Amino acid sequence: MDQVGDSLDQALEGAYTRPIPKTAQARMKYLVKQYKSTKAVAQALGVSQRTVERYVAGHLKRPRKALADRMEREVKKRWQPQVRARAKQKAARSDGIVVSTRARFGFTAAPGSTDDARVRHITQALPPHWAKRLFEARDAGSTEEQLRDIAAQGLGEMYFRDSGRRAHDLMVEFTDVEDIEIGL
């Protein structure tokens, strides 16, 4: 499961100024317009070209669940790219992001301190440079583990080390993520 990546996508979806198309016909028409051909849409969705044409014409109206999910995912990927880009830019330049997670945190610290991992629920604002790193890594195709590492570094710096004011040598391990939400 792609928790951090999906959460970043959901945060950007919150910036949309218009809702995505609701009906299967409207979604299929939008995809045909974006891909510029019914054949390309058919390949992207894993259906026949004729099926795409039937949805565009309105002859088919209710796709099965798997197809409906693929259509929604493809539309969301392409919906309002300039709005998404502005939201990313704003988070990376001035606003930052808010990470709310319930996960197991462990530590590598100086001898004599406790480093037992335990589940914590943390909500922490991260400054713009962490937002920039996360979005750039997501856009570059980083794995979920790499995105988690970046989030762990950000939480380690801001929450556990208090922006460098304490626990200077503390290294944070971010494991067993139960849930994570990222907001702009």
N, C-alpha and C. Protein backbone atom coordinates (compact mmCIF):
# COMPACT_ATOMS: atom_id res chain seq x y z
N MET A 1 0.84 -1.17 0.00
CA MET A 1 0.00 0.00 0.00
C MET A 1 0.89 1.24 0.00
N ASP A 2 0.50 2.22 -0.73
CA ASP A 2 1.28 3.44 -0.93
C ASP A 2 0.71 4.55 -0.04
N GLN A 3 0.92 4.48 1.27
CA GLN A 3 0.27 5.39 2.20
C GLN A 3 0.73 6.83 2.07
N VAL A 4 2.02 7.08 2.07
CA VAL A 4 2.53 8.45 2.01
C VAL A 4 2.22 9.05 0.64
N GLY A 5 2.47 8.31 -0.43
CA GLY A 5 2.19 8.80 -1.77
C GLY A 5 0.71 9.10 -1.98
N ASP A 6 -0.16 8.19 -1.53
CA ASP A 6 -1.60 8.42 -1.66
C ASP A 6 -2.05 9.61 -0.83
N SER A 7 -1.46 9.78 0.33
CA SER A 7 -1.81 10.91 1.18
C SER A 7 -1.39 12.24 0.54
N LEU A 8 -0.24 12.25 -0.12
CA LEU A 8 0.18 13.45 -0.85
C LEU A 8 -0.80 13.77 -1.97
N ASP A 9 -1.23 12.73 -2.70
CA ASP A 9 -2.21 12.93 -3.78
C ASP A 9 -3.53 13.46 -3.24
N GLN A 10 -4.00 12.92 -2.13
CA GLN A 10 -5.25 13.38 -1.53
C GLN A 10 -5.14 14.83 -1.06
N ALA A 11 -3.99 15.20 -0.55
CA ALA A 11 -3.79 16.59 -0.14
C ALA A 11 -3.92 17.53 -1.33
N LEU A 12 -3.36 17.12 -2.46
CA LEU A 12 -3.46 17.94 -3.67
C LEU A 12 -4.89 17.98 -4.21
N GLU A 13 -5.62 16.88 -4.05
CA GLU A 13 -7.01 16.86 -4.50
C GLU A 13 -7.85 17.87 -3.74
N GLY A 14 -7.45 18.18 -2.51
CA GLY A 14 -8.16 19.18 -1.73
C GLY A 14 -8.02 20.58 -2.31
N ALA A 15 -7.07 20.77 -3.19
CA ALA A 15 -6.85 22.09 -3.81
C ALA A 15 -7.70 22.29 -5.07
N TYR A 16 -8.36 21.23 -5.55
CA TYR A 16 -9.17 21.36 -6.77
C TYR A 16 -10.19 22.48 -6.62
N THR A 17 -10.40 23.22 -7.69
CA THR A 17 -11.39 24.29 -7.68
C THR A 17 -12.72 23.83 -8.25
N ARG A 18 -12.71 22.70 -8.94
CA ARG A 18 -13.95 22.10 -9.48
C ARG A 18 -13.91 20.61 -9.21
N PRO A 19 -15.08 20.01 -9.02
CA PRO A 19 -15.10 18.55 -8.80
C PRO A 19 -14.80 17.81 -10.11
N ILE A 20 -14.25 16.60 -9.98
CA ILE A 20 -13.99 15.78 -11.17
C ILE A 20 -15.32 15.35 -11.77
N PRO A 21 -15.35 15.00 -13.05
CA PRO A 21 -16.61 14.55 -13.66
C PRO A 21 -17.20 13.36 -12.90
N LYS A 22 -18.52 13.32 -12.77
CA LYS A 22 -19.19 12.30 -11.96
C LYS A 22 -19.58 11.06 -12.76
N THR A 23 -20.14 11.24 -13.94
CA THR A 23 -20.67 10.11 -14.69
C THR A 23 -19.56 9.40 -15.47
N ALA A 24 -19.83 8.15 -15.78
CA ALA A 24 -18.86 7.37 -16.56
C ALA A 24 -18.66 7.99 -17.94
N GLN A 25 -19.74 8.48 -18.53
CA GLN A 25 -19.63 9.10 -19.85
C GLN A 25 -18.76 10.35 -19.80
N ALA A 26 -18.98 11.20 -18.81
CA ALA A 26 -18.20 12.43 -18.70
C ALA A 26 -16.72 12.12 -18.42
N ARG A 27 -16.48 11.13 -17.58
CA ARG A 27 -15.09 10.74 -17.29
C ARG A 27 -14.40 10.20 -18.54
N MET A 28 -15.11 9.37 -19.27
CA MET A 28 -14.52 8.78 -20.47
C MET A 28 -14.26 9.86 -21.53
N LYS A 29 -15.19 10.80 -21.69
CA LYS A 29 -14.97 11.89 -22.63
C LYS A 29 -13.74 12.71 -22.23
N TYR A 30 -13.60 12.96 -20.95
CA TYR A 30 -12.44 13.72 -20.47
C TYR A 30 -11.14 12.97 -20.78
N LEU A 31 -11.14 11.66 -20.53
CA LEU A 31 -9.94 10.87 -20.79
C LEU A 31 -9.61 10.83 -22.28
N VAL A 32 -10.61 10.73 -23.13
CA VAL A 32 -10.38 10.73 -24.58
C VAL A 32 -9.78 12.08 -24.99
N LYS A 33 -10.29 13.15 -24.41
CA LYS A 33 -9.75 14.47 -24.72
C LYS A 33 -8.28 14.58 -24.28
N GLN A 34 -7.96 14.03 -23.10
CA GLN A 34 -6.60 14.09 -22.58
C GLN A 34 -5.64 13.20 -23.37
N TYR A 35 -6.06 11.98 -23.67
CA TYR A 35 -5.20 11.04 -24.37
C TYR A 35 -5.20 11.26 -25.88
N LYS A 36 -6.19 11.97 -26.37
CA LYS A 36 -6.32 12.33 -27.78
C LYS A 36 -6.76 11.18 -28.68
N SER A 37 -7.10 10.00 -28.11
CA SER A 37 -7.66 8.92 -28.92
C SER A 37 -8.33 7.88 -28.02
N THR A 38 -9.32 7.22 -28.58
CA THR A 38 -10.01 6.17 -27.83
C THR A 38 -9.11 4.95 -27.65
N LYS A 39 -8.23 4.74 -28.60
CA LYS A 39 -7.32 3.59 -28.50
C LYS A 39 -6.37 3.74 -27.31
N ALA A 40 -5.82 4.93 -27.13
CA ALA A 40 -4.91 5.18 -26.01
C ALA A 40 -5.63 5.03 -24.66
N VAL A 41 -6.87 5.50 -24.59
CA VAL A 41 -7.66 5.37 -23.36
C VAL A 41 -7.92 3.89 -23.08
N ALA A 42 -8.27 3.15 -24.12
CA ALA A 42 -8.54 1.72 -23.97
C ALA A 42 -7.30 1.00 -23.42
N GLN A 43 -6.14 1.32 -23.93
CA GLN A 43 -4.90 0.70 -23.44
C GLN A 43 -4.63 1.08 -21.99
N ALA A 44 -4.87 2.34 -21.64
CA ALA A 44 -4.62 2.80 -20.28
C ALA A 44 -5.56 2.14 -19.27
N LEU A 45 -6.80 1.90 -19.70
CA LEU A 45 -7.80 1.32 -18.79
C LEU A 45 -7.88 -0.19 -18.86
N GLY A 46 -7.26 -0.78 -19.88
CA GLY A 46 -7.30 -2.23 -20.02
C GLY A 46 -8.62 -2.76 -20.54
N VAL A 47 -9.26 -1.99 -21.41
CA VAL A 47 -10.51 -2.41 -22.04
C VAL A 47 -10.37 -2.27 -23.55
N SER A 48 -11.40 -2.71 -24.27
CA SER A 48 -11.34 -2.58 -25.73
C SER A 48 -11.66 -1.16 -26.17
N GLN A 49 -11.23 -0.83 -27.35
CA GLN A 49 -11.49 0.50 -27.92
C GLN A 49 -13.00 0.69 -28.10
N ARG A 50 -13.68 -0.37 -28.47
CA ARG A 50 -15.13 -0.31 -28.67
C ARG A 50 -15.86 0.00 -27.35
N THR A 51 -15.36 -0.53 -26.26
CA THR A 51 -15.96 -0.24 -24.95
C THR A 51 -15.84 1.25 -24.63
N VAL A 52 -14.69 1.81 -24.90
CA VAL A 52 -14.49 3.25 -24.68
C VAL A 52 -15.47 4.03 -25.54
N GLU A 53 -15.61 3.66 -26.79
CA GLU A 53 -16.53 4.36 -27.70
C GLU A 53 -17.97 4.27 -27.21
N ARG A 54 -18.35 3.13 -26.64
CA ARG A 54 -19.72 2.96 -26.11
C ARG A 54 -19.96 3.88 -24.91
N TYR A 55 -18.97 4.02 -24.04
CA TYR A 55 -19.12 4.93 -22.91
C TYR A 55 -19.21 6.37 -23.38
N VAL A 56 -18.40 6.75 -24.35
CA VAL A 56 -18.41 8.11 -24.87
C VAL A 56 -19.76 8.42 -25.50
N ALA A 57 -20.33 7.46 -26.22
CA ALA A 57 -21.62 7.66 -26.88
C ALA A 57 -22.79 7.60 -25.90
N GLY A 58 -22.54 7.09 -24.69
CA GLY A 58 -23.60 7.00 -23.71
C GLY A 58 -24.39 5.71 -23.74
N HIS A 59 -23.94 4.72 -24.56
CA HIS A 59 -24.63 3.44 -24.64
C HIS A 59 -24.37 2.59 -23.40
N LEU A 60 -23.20 2.72 -22.83
CA LEU A 60 -22.88 2.06 -21.56
C LEU A 60 -22.82 3.14 -20.49
N LYS A 61 -23.43 2.84 -19.33
CA LYS A 61 -23.52 3.88 -18.31
C LYS A 61 -22.94 3.48 -16.97
N ARG A 62 -22.93 2.19 -16.63
CA ARG A 62 -22.47 1.76 -15.31
C ARG A 62 -21.32 0.77 -15.45
N PRO A 63 -20.11 1.27 -15.28
CA PRO A 63 -18.96 0.36 -15.38
C PRO A 63 -18.87 -0.53 -14.13
N ARG A 64 -18.27 -1.70 -14.32
CA ARG A 64 -18.05 -2.53 -13.14
C ARG A 64 -17.05 -1.83 -12.22
N LYS A 65 -17.01 -2.26 -10.98
CA LYS A 65 -16.24 -1.57 -9.93
C LYS A 65 -14.78 -1.36 -10.32
N ALA A 66 -14.14 -2.40 -10.82
CA ALA A 66 -12.71 -2.29 -11.16
C ALA A 66 -12.48 -1.22 -12.23
N LEU A 67 -13.32 -1.21 -13.26
CA LEU A 67 -13.18 -0.21 -14.33
C LEU A 67 -13.51 1.19 -13.80
N ALA A 68 -14.53 1.30 -12.98
CA ALA A 68 -14.88 2.61 -12.42
C ALA A 68 -13.73 3.17 -11.59
N ASP A 69 -13.07 2.32 -10.82
CA ASP A 69 -11.93 2.76 -10.02
C ASP A 69 -10.76 3.20 -10.90
N ARG A 70 -10.49 2.44 -11.96
CA ARG A 70 -9.40 2.82 -12.88
C ARG A 70 -9.71 4.15 -13.57
N MET A 71 -10.98 4.32 -13.99
CA MET A 71 -11.37 5.57 -14.64
C MET A 71 -11.18 6.75 -13.68
N GLU A 72 -11.64 6.60 -12.45
CA GLU A 72 -11.52 7.67 -11.47
C GLU A 72 -10.05 8.00 -11.21
N ARG A 73 -9.22 6.98 -11.06
CA ARG A 73 -7.80 7.19 -10.80
C ARG A 73 -7.14 7.93 -11.97
N GLU A 74 -7.45 7.53 -13.20
CA GLU A 74 -6.85 8.18 -14.37
C GLU A 74 -7.32 9.63 -14.51
N VAL A 75 -8.59 9.89 -14.21
CA VAL A 75 -9.09 11.26 -14.29
C VAL A 75 -8.41 12.12 -13.22
N LYS A 76 -8.31 11.60 -11.99
CA LYS A 76 -7.69 12.38 -10.92
C LYS A 76 -6.22 12.69 -11.20
N LYS A 77 -5.53 11.77 -11.88
CA LYS A 77 -4.13 12.02 -12.22
C LYS A 77 -3.98 13.23 -13.14
N ARG A 78 -4.97 13.46 -13.98
CA ARG A 78 -4.86 14.49 -15.00
C ARG A 78 -5.71 15.72 -14.72
N TRP A 79 -6.52 15.70 -13.68
CA TRP A 79 -7.47 16.78 -13.42
C TRP A 79 -6.74 18.00 -12.86
N GLN A 80 -7.00 19.13 -13.44
CA GLN A 80 -6.49 20.44 -13.03
C GLN A 80 -4.99 20.42 -12.69
N PRO A 81 -4.15 20.15 -13.67
CA PRO A 81 -2.71 20.08 -13.39
C PRO A 81 -2.11 21.40 -12.92
N GLN A 82 -2.64 22.52 -13.39
CA GLN A 82 -2.09 23.81 -12.97
C GLN A 82 -2.45 24.12 -11.51
N VAL A 83 -3.65 23.71 -11.11
CA VAL A 83 -4.07 23.92 -9.72
C VAL A 83 -3.19 23.08 -8.79
N ARG A 84 -2.95 21.82 -9.17
CA ARG A 84 -2.08 20.95 -8.37
C ARG A 84 -0.66 21.52 -8.30
N ALA A 85 -0.16 22.02 -9.43
CA ALA A 85 1.19 22.58 -9.46
C ALA A 85 1.30 23.81 -8.56
N ARG A 86 0.28 24.67 -8.57
CA ARG A 86 0.30 25.85 -7.70
C ARG A 86 0.25 25.45 -6.23
N ALA A 87 -0.55 24.43 -5.90
CA ALA A 87 -0.65 23.97 -4.52
C ALA A 87 0.70 23.40 -4.04
N LYS A 88 1.37 22.63 -4.91
CA LYS A 88 2.69 22.09 -4.57
C LYS A 88 3.68 23.23 -4.36
N GLN A 89 3.66 24.18 -5.27
CA GLN A 89 4.60 25.31 -5.21
C GLN A 89 4.38 26.13 -3.94
N LYS A 90 3.12 26.36 -3.58
CA LYS A 90 2.81 27.13 -2.38
C LYS A 90 3.29 26.40 -1.13
N ALA A 91 3.07 25.08 -1.08
CA ALA A 91 3.52 24.28 0.07
C ALA A 91 5.04 24.27 0.15
N ALA A 92 5.70 24.20 -1.00
CA ALA A 92 7.17 24.13 -1.02
C ALA A 92 7.85 25.48 -0.80
N ARG A 93 7.13 26.56 -1.01
CA ARG A 93 7.74 27.87 -0.86
C ARG A 93 7.37 28.59 0.43
N SER A 94 6.11 28.46 0.86
CA SER A 94 5.71 29.29 1.99
C SER A 94 4.93 28.57 3.08
N ASP A 95 4.03 27.66 2.73
CA ASP A 95 3.11 27.11 3.73
C ASP A 95 3.60 25.86 4.43
N GLY A 96 4.31 25.00 3.72
CA GLY A 96 4.69 23.71 4.28
C GLY A 96 3.51 22.76 4.29
N ILE A 97 3.62 21.67 5.05
CA ILE A 97 2.56 20.68 5.13
C ILE A 97 2.35 20.28 6.58
N VAL A 98 1.22 19.63 6.84
CA VAL A 98 0.94 19.09 8.17
C VAL A 98 0.84 17.58 8.03
N VAL A 99 1.63 16.86 8.83
CA VAL A 99 1.62 15.40 8.81
C VAL A 99 0.96 14.92 10.09
N SER A 100 -0.07 14.11 9.94
CA SER A 100 -0.73 13.49 11.08
C SER A 100 -0.61 11.99 10.89
N THR A 101 0.02 11.32 11.84
CA THR A 101 0.27 9.89 11.69
C THR A 101 0.13 9.15 13.01
N ARG A 102 -0.22 7.90 12.88
CA ARG A 102 -0.18 6.96 14.01
C ARG A 102 0.73 5.84 13.55
N ALA A 103 1.90 5.77 14.20
CA ALA A 103 2.92 4.81 13.77
C ALA A 103 3.83 4.46 14.93
N ARG A 104 4.64 3.45 14.70
CA ARG A 104 5.63 3.04 15.69
C ARG A 104 6.92 3.81 15.40
N PHE A 105 7.40 4.49 16.43
CA PHE A 105 8.63 5.25 16.31
C PHE A 105 9.67 4.61 17.22
N GLY A 106 10.84 4.35 16.67
CA GLY A 106 11.98 3.86 17.43
C GLY A 106 13.12 4.84 17.24
N PHE A 107 14.14 4.72 18.06
CA PHE A 107 15.20 5.72 18.04
C PHE A 107 16.56 5.07 18.16
N THR A 108 17.53 5.73 17.59
CA THR A 108 18.92 5.41 17.83
C THR A 108 19.48 6.65 18.51
N ALA A 109 19.86 6.49 19.78
CA ALA A 109 20.26 7.65 20.55
C ALA A 109 21.50 7.32 21.38
N ALA A 110 21.92 8.29 22.16
CA ALA A 110 23.10 8.14 23.02
C ALA A 110 22.88 7.04 24.05
N PRO A 111 23.94 6.37 24.48
CA PRO A 111 23.80 5.33 25.51
C PRO A 111 23.16 5.88 26.78
N GLY A 112 22.35 5.04 27.42
CA GLY A 112 21.70 5.44 28.65
C GLY A 112 20.32 6.03 28.44
N SER A 113 19.95 6.31 27.19
CA SER A 113 18.61 6.85 26.93
C SER A 113 17.72 5.71 26.45
N THR A 114 16.43 5.91 26.54
CA THR A 114 15.50 4.88 26.11
C THR A 114 15.34 4.93 24.60
N ASP A 115 15.42 3.79 23.97
CA ASP A 115 15.23 3.75 22.52
C ASP A 115 14.20 2.70 22.13
N ASP A 116 13.36 2.28 23.10
CA ASP A 116 12.32 1.31 22.80
C ASP A 116 11.28 1.94 21.88
N ALA A 117 10.94 1.21 20.85
CA ALA A 117 9.94 1.70 19.91
C ALA A 117 8.56 1.63 20.56
N ARG A 118 7.73 2.63 20.25
CA ARG A 118 6.35 2.60 20.73
C ARG A 118 5.46 3.36 19.75
N VAL A 119 4.17 3.02 19.81
CA VAL A 119 3.21 3.65 18.91
C VAL A 119 2.88 5.04 19.45
N ARG A 120 2.91 6.01 18.55
CA ARG A 120 2.59 7.40 18.90
C ARG A 120 1.64 7.95 17.85
N HIS A 121 0.80 8.84 18.29
CA HIS A 121 -0.03 9.62 17.36
C HIS A 121 0.54 11.03 17.36
N ILE A 122 1.04 11.44 16.20
CA ILE A 122 1.71 12.74 16.09
C ILE A 122 1.07 13.55 14.97
N THR A 123 0.78 14.81 15.27
CA THR A 123 0.38 15.77 14.25
C THR A 123 1.39 16.90 14.32
N GLN A 124 2.09 17.11 13.22
CA GLN A 124 3.19 18.07 13.23
C GLN A 124 3.24 18.84 11.91
N ALA A 125 3.38 20.15 12.01
CA ALA A 125 3.59 20.98 10.82
C ALA A 125 5.06 20.85 10.42
N LEU A 126 5.28 20.63 9.13
CA LEU A 126 6.65 20.57 8.60
C LEU A 126 6.86 21.79 7.72
N PRO A 127 8.03 22.41 7.80
CA PRO A 127 8.30 23.61 7.01
C PRO A 127 8.39 23.31 5.51
N PRO A 128 8.38 24.37 4.71
CA PRO A 128 8.34 24.21 3.25
C PRO A 128 9.42 23.31 2.64
N HIS A 129 10.63 23.32 3.19
CA HIS A 129 11.68 22.51 2.55
C HIS A 129 11.36 21.02 2.66
N TRP A 130 10.64 20.58 3.69
CA TRP A 130 10.24 19.17 3.78
C TRP A 130 9.13 18.86 2.78
N ALA A 131 8.22 19.81 2.59
CA ALA A 131 7.17 19.62 1.59
C ALA A 131 7.79 19.50 0.20
N LYS A 132 8.75 20.36 -0.07
CA LYS A 132 9.44 20.33 -1.37
C LYS A 132 10.12 18.99 -1.59
N ARG A 133 10.82 18.49 -0.57
CA ARG A 133 11.50 17.20 -0.69
C ARG A 133 10.50 16.06 -0.96
N LEU A 134 9.40 16.06 -0.23
CA LEU A 134 8.40 15.00 -0.42
C LEU A 134 7.79 15.05 -1.82
N PHE A 135 7.38 16.23 -2.26
CA PHE A 135 6.76 16.34 -3.59
C PHE A 135 7.76 16.03 -4.71
N GLU A 136 9.00 16.48 -4.57
CA GLU A 136 10.01 16.17 -5.58
C GLU A 136 10.28 14.67 -5.64
N ALA A 137 10.36 14.03 -4.49
CA ALA A 137 10.59 12.59 -4.46
C ALA A 137 9.41 11.84 -5.07
N ARG A 138 8.20 12.28 -4.77
CA ARG A 138 7.00 11.64 -5.33
C ARG A 138 7.00 11.79 -6.84
N ASP A 139 7.29 12.97 -7.33
CA ASP A 139 7.29 13.22 -8.77
C ASP A 139 8.41 12.46 -9.49
N ALA A 140 9.51 12.19 -8.77
CA ALA A 140 10.62 11.46 -9.36
C ALA A 140 10.40 9.94 -9.35
N GLY A 141 9.29 9.50 -8.76
CA GLY A 141 8.98 8.09 -8.76
C GLY A 141 9.59 7.32 -7.60
N SER A 142 9.84 7.99 -6.50
CA SER A 142 10.42 7.32 -5.33
C SER A 142 9.48 6.27 -4.78
N THR A 143 10.05 5.29 -4.11
CA THR A 143 9.26 4.21 -3.51
C THR A 143 8.61 4.71 -2.22
N GLU A 144 7.65 3.93 -1.74
CA GLU A 144 6.98 4.26 -0.49
C GLU A 144 7.97 4.34 0.67
N GLU A 145 8.93 3.45 0.68
CA GLU A 145 9.93 3.45 1.75
C GLU A 145 10.77 4.74 1.73
N GLN A 146 11.12 5.20 0.55
CA GLN A 146 11.89 6.44 0.44
C GLN A 146 11.06 7.64 0.91
N LEU A 147 9.77 7.64 0.57
CA LEU A 147 8.89 8.72 1.03
C LEU A 147 8.74 8.68 2.55
N ARG A 148 8.63 7.48 3.11
CA ARG A 148 8.54 7.34 4.57
C ARG A 148 9.81 7.84 5.25
N ASP A 149 10.96 7.57 4.64
CA ASP A 149 12.23 8.03 5.21
C ASP A 149 12.28 9.56 5.25
N ILE A 150 11.82 10.20 4.20
CA ILE A 150 11.80 11.66 4.17
C ILE A 150 10.85 12.19 5.24
N ALA A 151 9.67 11.58 5.34
CA ALA A 151 8.71 11.99 6.38
C ALA A 151 9.30 11.78 7.77
N ALA A 152 9.99 10.67 7.98
CA ALA A 152 10.61 10.38 9.28
C ALA A 152 11.69 11.41 9.60
N GLN A 153 12.47 11.79 8.62
CA GLN A 153 13.51 12.80 8.84
C GLN A 153 12.87 14.13 9.23
N GLY A 154 11.79 14.49 8.54
CA GLY A 154 11.09 15.73 8.85
C GLY A 154 10.48 15.71 10.24
N LEU A 155 9.81 14.60 10.59
CA LEU A 155 9.24 14.48 11.94
C LEU A 155 10.34 14.45 13.00
N GLY A 156 11.45 13.79 12.67
CA GLY A 156 12.56 13.74 13.61
C GLY A 156 13.11 15.13 13.90
N GLU A 157 13.27 15.92 12.85
CA GLU A 157 13.81 17.26 13.02
C GLU A 157 12.84 18.17 13.77
N MET A 158 11.58 18.17 13.37
CA MET A 158 10.63 19.14 13.92
C MET A 158 10.01 18.70 15.24
N TYR A 159 9.67 17.44 15.39
CA TYR A 159 8.97 16.98 16.59
C TYR A 159 9.94 16.51 17.67
N PHE A 160 10.84 15.61 17.31
CA PHE A 160 11.70 15.01 18.31
C PHE A 160 12.93 15.86 18.65
N ARG A 161 13.52 16.51 17.65
CA ARG A 161 14.71 17.34 17.91
C ARG A 161 14.37 18.81 18.05
N ASP A 162 13.10 19.16 17.88
CA ASP A 162 12.62 20.54 18.06
C ASP A 162 13.48 21.54 17.29
N SER A 163 13.63 21.30 16.01
CA SER A 163 14.39 22.17 15.10
C SER A 163 15.84 22.37 15.55
N GLY A 164 16.43 21.32 16.13
CA GLY A 164 17.83 21.37 16.53
C GLY A 164 18.07 21.89 17.93
N ARG A 165 17.01 22.12 18.71
CA ARG A 165 17.17 22.65 20.06
C ARG A 165 17.42 21.57 21.11
N ARG A 166 17.17 20.28 20.76
CA ARG A 166 17.42 19.20 21.72
C ARG A 166 17.67 17.89 20.98
N ALA A 167 18.16 16.91 21.68
CA ALA A 167 18.38 15.55 21.16
C ALA A 167 19.09 15.57 19.80
N HIS A 168 20.23 16.20 19.75
CA HIS A 168 20.94 16.44 18.49
C HIS A 168 21.31 15.16 17.73
N ASP A 169 21.69 14.10 18.43
CA ASP A 169 22.14 12.88 17.77
C ASP A 169 21.04 11.85 17.57
N LEU A 170 19.80 12.20 17.83
CA LEU A 170 18.69 11.26 17.76
C LEU A 170 18.34 10.94 16.31
N MET A 171 18.31 9.66 15.98
CA MET A 171 17.90 9.20 14.65
C MET A 171 16.54 8.50 14.81
N VAL A 172 15.54 8.90 14.05
CA VAL A 172 14.18 8.41 14.20
C VAL A 172 13.91 7.31 13.18
N GLU A 173 13.31 6.21 13.64
CA GLU A 173 12.86 5.12 12.77
C GLU A 173 11.34 5.16 12.74
N PHE A 174 10.78 5.15 11.56
CA PHE A 174 9.35 5.31 11.32
C PHE A 174 8.85 3.99 10.75
N THR A 175 8.24 3.14 11.57
CA THR A 175 7.81 1.82 11.11
C THR A 175 6.36 1.56 11.50
N ASP A 176 5.81 0.48 10.99
CA ASP A 176 4.45 0.05 11.33
C ASP A 176 3.46 1.21 11.26
N VAL A 177 3.38 1.88 10.12
CA VAL A 177 2.50 3.02 9.97
C VAL A 177 1.06 2.51 9.89
N GLU A 178 0.25 2.90 10.88
CA GLU A 178 -1.16 2.51 10.89
C GLU A 178 -1.95 3.42 9.95
N ASP A 179 -1.72 4.71 10.04
CA ASP A 179 -2.34 5.63 9.10
C ASP A 179 -1.50 6.91 9.05
N ILE A 180 -1.64 7.60 7.94
CA ILE A 180 -0.93 8.87 7.77
C ILE A 180 -1.79 9.76 6.89
N GLU A 181 -1.91 11.00 7.29
CA GLU A 181 -2.62 12.00 6.51
C GLU A 181 -1.73 13.21 6.35
N ILE A 182 -1.70 13.74 5.16
CA ILE A 182 -0.90 14.93 4.90
C ILE A 182 -1.83 16.01 4.40
N GLY A 183 -1.74 17.16 5.01
CA GLY A 183 -2.57 18.29 4.61
C GLY A 183 -1.73 19.46 4.16
N LEU A 184 -2.31 20.28 3.29
CA LEU A 184 -1.60 21.47 2.81
C LEU A 184 -1.94 22.66 3.69
